[in-house]
Amino acid sequence: MDTDLQDMSKEQLLAEIIKLRDAIRAHRDRSGHDLCWHQPELWSLLPEQSGCQPTVPCWPEFLRGCIRYRQSLDEQAPLAPRTNEAFDP
């Protein structure tokens, strides 16, 4: 895994780093309801494509996970701004 990096020039490596940093920043800068989505565009940046599909929890378990995730934001980001913005797909 990652042996492709050894064949890249310095310029190619820098371009790869910039591409990955841009993707990480885009993911980091998500907010509100955008925090809750499946992220295949991020995973597609890896050179290997696994074709794996996520195991999706049934609704009750999924919603418990959503609640726990939201609680973790209270713990990890207690000073982050809050919003009452409705979800609008």
N, C-alpha and C. Protein backbone atom coordinates (compact mmCIF):
# COMPACT_ATOMS: atom_id res chain seq x y z
N MET A 1 0.84 -1.18 0.00
CA MET A 1 0.00 0.00 0.00
C MET A 1 0.89 1.24 0.00
N ASP A 2 0.50 2.23 -0.72
CA ASP A 2 1.21 3.51 -0.83
C ASP A 2 2.56 3.42 -1.52
N THR A 3 2.82 2.33 -2.21
CA THR A 3 4.09 2.22 -2.95
C THR A 3 4.12 3.19 -4.13
N ASP A 4 2.95 3.64 -4.59
CA ASP A 4 2.90 4.61 -5.69
C ASP A 4 3.63 5.89 -5.34
N LEU A 5 3.69 6.22 -4.06
CA LEU A 5 4.36 7.45 -3.64
C LEU A 5 5.86 7.42 -3.93
N GLN A 6 6.44 6.24 -3.88
CA GLN A 6 7.88 6.12 -4.09
C GLN A 6 8.29 6.42 -5.53
N ASP A 7 7.36 6.30 -6.46
CA ASP A 7 7.65 6.57 -7.87
C ASP A 7 7.32 8.00 -8.29
N MET A 8 6.83 8.80 -7.37
CA MET A 8 6.44 10.18 -7.71
C MET A 8 7.61 11.13 -7.56
N SER A 9 7.62 12.12 -8.44
CA SER A 9 8.62 13.18 -8.34
C SER A 9 8.24 14.11 -7.19
N LYS A 10 9.15 14.99 -6.85
CA LYS A 10 8.86 15.97 -5.79
C LYS A 10 7.63 16.79 -6.16
N GLU A 11 7.54 17.21 -7.41
CA GLU A 11 6.40 18.02 -7.85
C GLU A 11 5.09 17.23 -7.75
N GLN A 12 5.14 15.95 -8.13
CA GLN A 12 3.94 15.12 -8.04
C GLN A 12 3.52 14.92 -6.58
N LEU A 13 4.51 14.72 -5.72
CA LEU A 13 4.21 14.56 -4.29
C LEU A 13 3.58 15.82 -3.71
N LEU A 14 4.13 16.97 -4.08
CA LEU A 14 3.56 18.24 -3.60
C LEU A 14 2.13 18.41 -4.09
N ALA A 15 1.89 18.07 -5.35
CA ALA A 15 0.53 18.17 -5.90
C ALA A 15 -0.42 17.24 -5.15
N GLU A 16 0.05 16.04 -4.84
CA GLU A 16 -0.77 15.08 -4.09
C GLU A 16 -1.08 15.60 -2.69
N ILE A 17 -0.09 16.16 -2.04
CA ILE A 17 -0.28 16.72 -0.70
C ILE A 17 -1.30 17.85 -0.73
N ILE A 18 -1.18 18.72 -1.71
CA ILE A 18 -2.12 19.85 -1.82
C ILE A 18 -3.53 19.34 -2.07
N LYS A 19 -3.67 18.36 -2.96
CA LYS A 19 -5.00 17.79 -3.25
C LYS A 19 -5.61 17.19 -1.98
N LEU A 20 -4.81 16.44 -1.24
CA LEU A 20 -5.33 15.81 -0.02
C LEU A 20 -5.65 16.84 1.06
N ARG A 21 -4.79 17.84 1.20
CA ARG A 21 -5.08 18.90 2.18
C ARG A 21 -6.35 19.65 1.82
N ASP A 22 -6.55 19.93 0.54
CA ASP A 22 -7.78 20.60 0.12
C ASP A 22 -9.01 19.77 0.50
N ALA A 23 -8.93 18.46 0.28
CA ALA A 23 -10.06 17.59 0.61
C ALA A 23 -10.29 17.54 2.12
N ILE A 24 -9.21 17.47 2.88
CA ILE A 24 -9.35 17.44 4.35
C ILE A 24 -9.95 18.75 4.84
N ARG A 25 -9.51 19.86 4.27
CA ARG A 25 -10.07 21.16 4.68
C ARG A 25 -11.56 21.26 4.33
N ALA A 26 -11.93 20.79 3.14
CA ALA A 26 -13.34 20.82 2.75
C ALA A 26 -14.18 20.00 3.72
N HIS A 27 -13.66 18.85 4.11
CA HIS A 27 -14.37 18.00 5.07
C HIS A 27 -14.43 18.68 6.44
N ARG A 28 -13.32 19.22 6.87
CA ARG A 28 -13.25 19.90 8.17
C ARG A 28 -14.20 21.09 8.23
N ASP A 29 -14.34 21.81 7.15
CA ASP A 29 -15.12 23.04 7.14
C ASP A 29 -16.62 22.81 6.97
N ARG A 30 -17.03 21.57 6.89
CA ARG A 30 -18.46 21.29 6.83
C ARG A 30 -19.09 21.67 8.17
N SER A 31 -20.36 21.95 8.11
CA SER A 31 -21.02 22.43 9.31
C SER A 31 -22.50 22.08 9.22
N GLY A 32 -23.19 22.22 10.32
CA GLY A 32 -24.63 21.96 10.33
C GLY A 32 -24.94 20.54 9.88
N HIS A 33 -25.97 20.40 9.05
CA HIS A 33 -26.39 19.08 8.59
C HIS A 33 -25.38 18.43 7.65
N ASP A 34 -24.47 19.20 7.08
CA ASP A 34 -23.46 18.64 6.18
C ASP A 34 -22.46 17.75 6.91
N LEU A 35 -22.50 17.73 8.23
CA LEU A 35 -21.59 16.87 8.99
C LEU A 35 -22.00 15.40 8.93
N CYS A 36 -23.21 15.13 8.50
CA CYS A 36 -23.80 13.79 8.66
C CYS A 36 -23.82 12.93 7.40
N TRP A 37 -23.06 13.26 6.40
CA TRP A 37 -23.21 12.56 5.12
C TRP A 37 -22.13 11.54 4.85
N HIS A 38 -22.50 10.55 4.06
CA HIS A 38 -21.61 9.54 3.49
C HIS A 38 -20.59 10.29 2.63
N GLN A 39 -19.31 9.93 2.68
CA GLN A 39 -18.24 10.74 2.07
C GLN A 39 -17.46 10.02 0.96
N PRO A 40 -18.09 9.43 -0.04
CA PRO A 40 -17.32 8.71 -1.07
C PRO A 40 -16.36 9.61 -1.84
N GLU A 41 -16.65 10.90 -1.97
CA GLU A 41 -15.73 11.79 -2.70
C GLU A 41 -14.40 11.92 -1.96
N LEU A 42 -14.42 11.85 -0.65
CA LEU A 42 -13.19 11.90 0.13
C LEU A 42 -12.42 10.59 -0.03
N TRP A 43 -13.10 9.48 0.06
CA TRP A 43 -12.44 8.18 -0.06
C TRP A 43 -11.91 7.95 -1.47
N SER A 44 -12.52 8.57 -2.47
CA SER A 44 -12.08 8.37 -3.85
C SER A 44 -10.69 8.95 -4.10
N LEU A 45 -10.17 9.74 -3.18
CA LEU A 45 -8.83 10.30 -3.34
C LEU A 45 -7.74 9.27 -3.07
N LEU A 46 -8.09 8.16 -2.47
CA LEU A 46 -7.11 7.09 -2.26
C LEU A 46 -6.83 6.41 -3.60
N PRO A 47 -5.59 5.97 -3.82
CA PRO A 47 -5.28 5.34 -5.10
C PRO A 47 -6.00 4.01 -5.30
N GLU A 48 -6.25 3.29 -4.21
CA GLU A 48 -6.95 2.02 -4.34
C GLU A 48 -8.44 2.26 -4.14
N GLN A 49 -9.23 1.61 -4.94
CA GLN A 49 -10.67 1.70 -4.82
C GLN A 49 -11.17 0.36 -4.30
N SER A 50 -11.64 0.34 -3.08
CA SER A 50 -12.00 -0.92 -2.45
C SER A 50 -13.36 -1.44 -2.89
N GLY A 51 -14.25 -0.56 -3.32
CA GLY A 51 -15.59 -0.99 -3.68
C GLY A 51 -16.43 -1.40 -2.48
N CYS A 52 -15.91 -1.16 -1.30
CA CYS A 52 -16.64 -1.52 -0.08
C CYS A 52 -17.88 -0.64 0.07
N GLN A 53 -18.92 -1.26 0.51
CA GLN A 53 -20.13 -0.53 0.85
C GLN A 53 -20.22 -0.50 2.38
N PRO A 54 -20.64 0.62 2.94
CA PRO A 54 -20.75 0.67 4.40
C PRO A 54 -21.88 -0.24 4.89
N THR A 55 -21.73 -0.73 6.08
CA THR A 55 -22.82 -1.43 6.74
C THR A 55 -23.68 -0.35 7.37
N VAL A 56 -24.93 -0.29 6.95
CA VAL A 56 -25.83 0.77 7.41
C VAL A 56 -26.70 0.24 8.54
N PRO A 57 -26.63 0.88 9.71
CA PRO A 57 -27.46 0.43 10.83
C PRO A 57 -28.95 0.62 10.53
N CYS A 58 -29.77 -0.23 11.13
CA CYS A 58 -31.22 -0.04 11.03
C CYS A 58 -31.57 1.29 11.69
N TRP A 59 -32.76 1.83 11.34
CA TRP A 59 -33.13 3.17 11.77
C TRP A 59 -32.98 3.44 13.27
N PRO A 60 -33.50 2.60 14.15
CA PRO A 60 -33.36 2.94 15.58
C PRO A 60 -31.90 3.06 16.01
N GLU A 61 -31.07 2.10 15.55
CA GLU A 61 -29.65 2.14 15.91
C GLU A 61 -28.96 3.35 15.27
N PHE A 62 -29.34 3.64 14.03
CA PHE A 62 -28.76 4.78 13.33
C PHE A 62 -29.06 6.08 14.07
N LEU A 63 -30.31 6.26 14.46
CA LEU A 63 -30.70 7.48 15.16
C LEU A 63 -30.03 7.59 16.53
N ARG A 64 -29.82 6.46 17.21
CA ARG A 64 -29.07 6.49 18.47
C ARG A 64 -27.65 6.97 18.22
N GLY A 65 -27.07 6.52 17.10
CA GLY A 65 -25.72 6.99 16.74
C GLY A 65 -25.71 8.48 16.45
N CYS A 66 -26.75 8.97 15.77
CA CYS A 66 -26.84 10.42 15.49
C CYS A 66 -26.89 11.21 16.79
N ILE A 67 -27.70 10.73 17.72
CA ILE A 67 -27.81 11.42 19.00
C ILE A 67 -26.47 11.40 19.72
N ARG A 68 -25.79 10.26 19.71
CA ARG A 68 -24.49 10.17 20.39
C ARG A 68 -23.47 11.08 19.71
N TYR A 69 -23.50 11.14 18.39
CA TYR A 69 -22.59 12.03 17.67
C TYR A 69 -22.84 13.48 18.07
N ARG A 70 -24.11 13.86 18.14
CA ARG A 70 -24.45 15.24 18.52
C ARG A 70 -24.01 15.52 19.96
N GLN A 71 -24.17 14.55 20.85
CA GLN A 71 -23.69 14.71 22.22
C GLN A 71 -22.17 14.88 22.25
N SER A 72 -21.47 14.14 21.40
CA SER A 72 -20.01 14.26 21.38
C SER A 72 -19.58 15.65 20.93
N LEU A 73 -20.38 16.29 20.07
CA LEU A 73 -20.05 17.66 19.67
C LEU A 73 -20.19 18.61 20.86
N ASP A 74 -21.17 18.38 21.73
CA ASP A 74 -21.29 19.19 22.94
C ASP A 74 -20.05 19.03 23.82
N GLU A 75 -19.53 17.81 23.88
CA GLU A 75 -18.35 17.53 24.71
C GLU A 75 -17.07 18.08 24.07
N GLN A 76 -16.91 17.86 22.76
CA GLN A 76 -15.66 18.19 22.08
C GLN A 76 -15.61 19.62 21.55
N ALA A 77 -16.77 20.21 21.34
CA ALA A 77 -16.82 21.58 20.79
C ALA A 77 -17.88 22.39 21.53
N PRO A 78 -17.74 22.53 22.85
CA PRO A 78 -18.79 23.20 23.62
C PRO A 78 -18.97 24.67 23.26
N LEU A 79 -17.98 25.30 22.67
CA LEU A 79 -18.08 26.72 22.33
C LEU A 79 -18.46 26.95 20.87
N ALA A 80 -18.66 25.89 20.12
CA ALA A 80 -19.04 26.04 18.71
C ALA A 80 -20.42 26.69 18.62
N PRO A 81 -20.63 27.52 17.61
CA PRO A 81 -21.95 28.14 17.45
C PRO A 81 -23.04 27.09 17.24
N ARG A 82 -24.22 27.37 17.68
CA ARG A 82 -25.38 26.49 17.51
C ARG A 82 -26.34 27.14 16.52
N THR A 83 -27.15 26.31 15.87
CA THR A 83 -28.11 26.83 14.91
C THR A 83 -29.43 26.08 15.04
N ASN A 84 -30.50 26.75 14.69
CA ASN A 84 -31.83 26.13 14.61
C ASN A 84 -32.25 25.97 13.16
N GLU A 85 -31.29 26.10 12.26
CA GLU A 85 -31.58 26.00 10.83
C GLU A 85 -32.18 24.64 10.51
N ALA A 86 -33.30 24.64 9.81
CA ALA A 86 -33.97 23.40 9.45
C ALA A 86 -33.20 22.67 8.36
N PHE A 87 -33.32 21.36 8.36
CA PHE A 87 -32.71 20.55 7.31
C PHE A 87 -33.50 20.76 6.04
N ASP A 88 -32.82 21.10 4.96
CA ASP A 88 -33.46 21.33 3.67
C ASP A 88 -32.63 20.66 2.59
N PRO A 89 -33.01 19.42 2.24
CA PRO A 89 -32.18 18.68 1.28
C PRO A 89 -32.08 19.32 -0.02
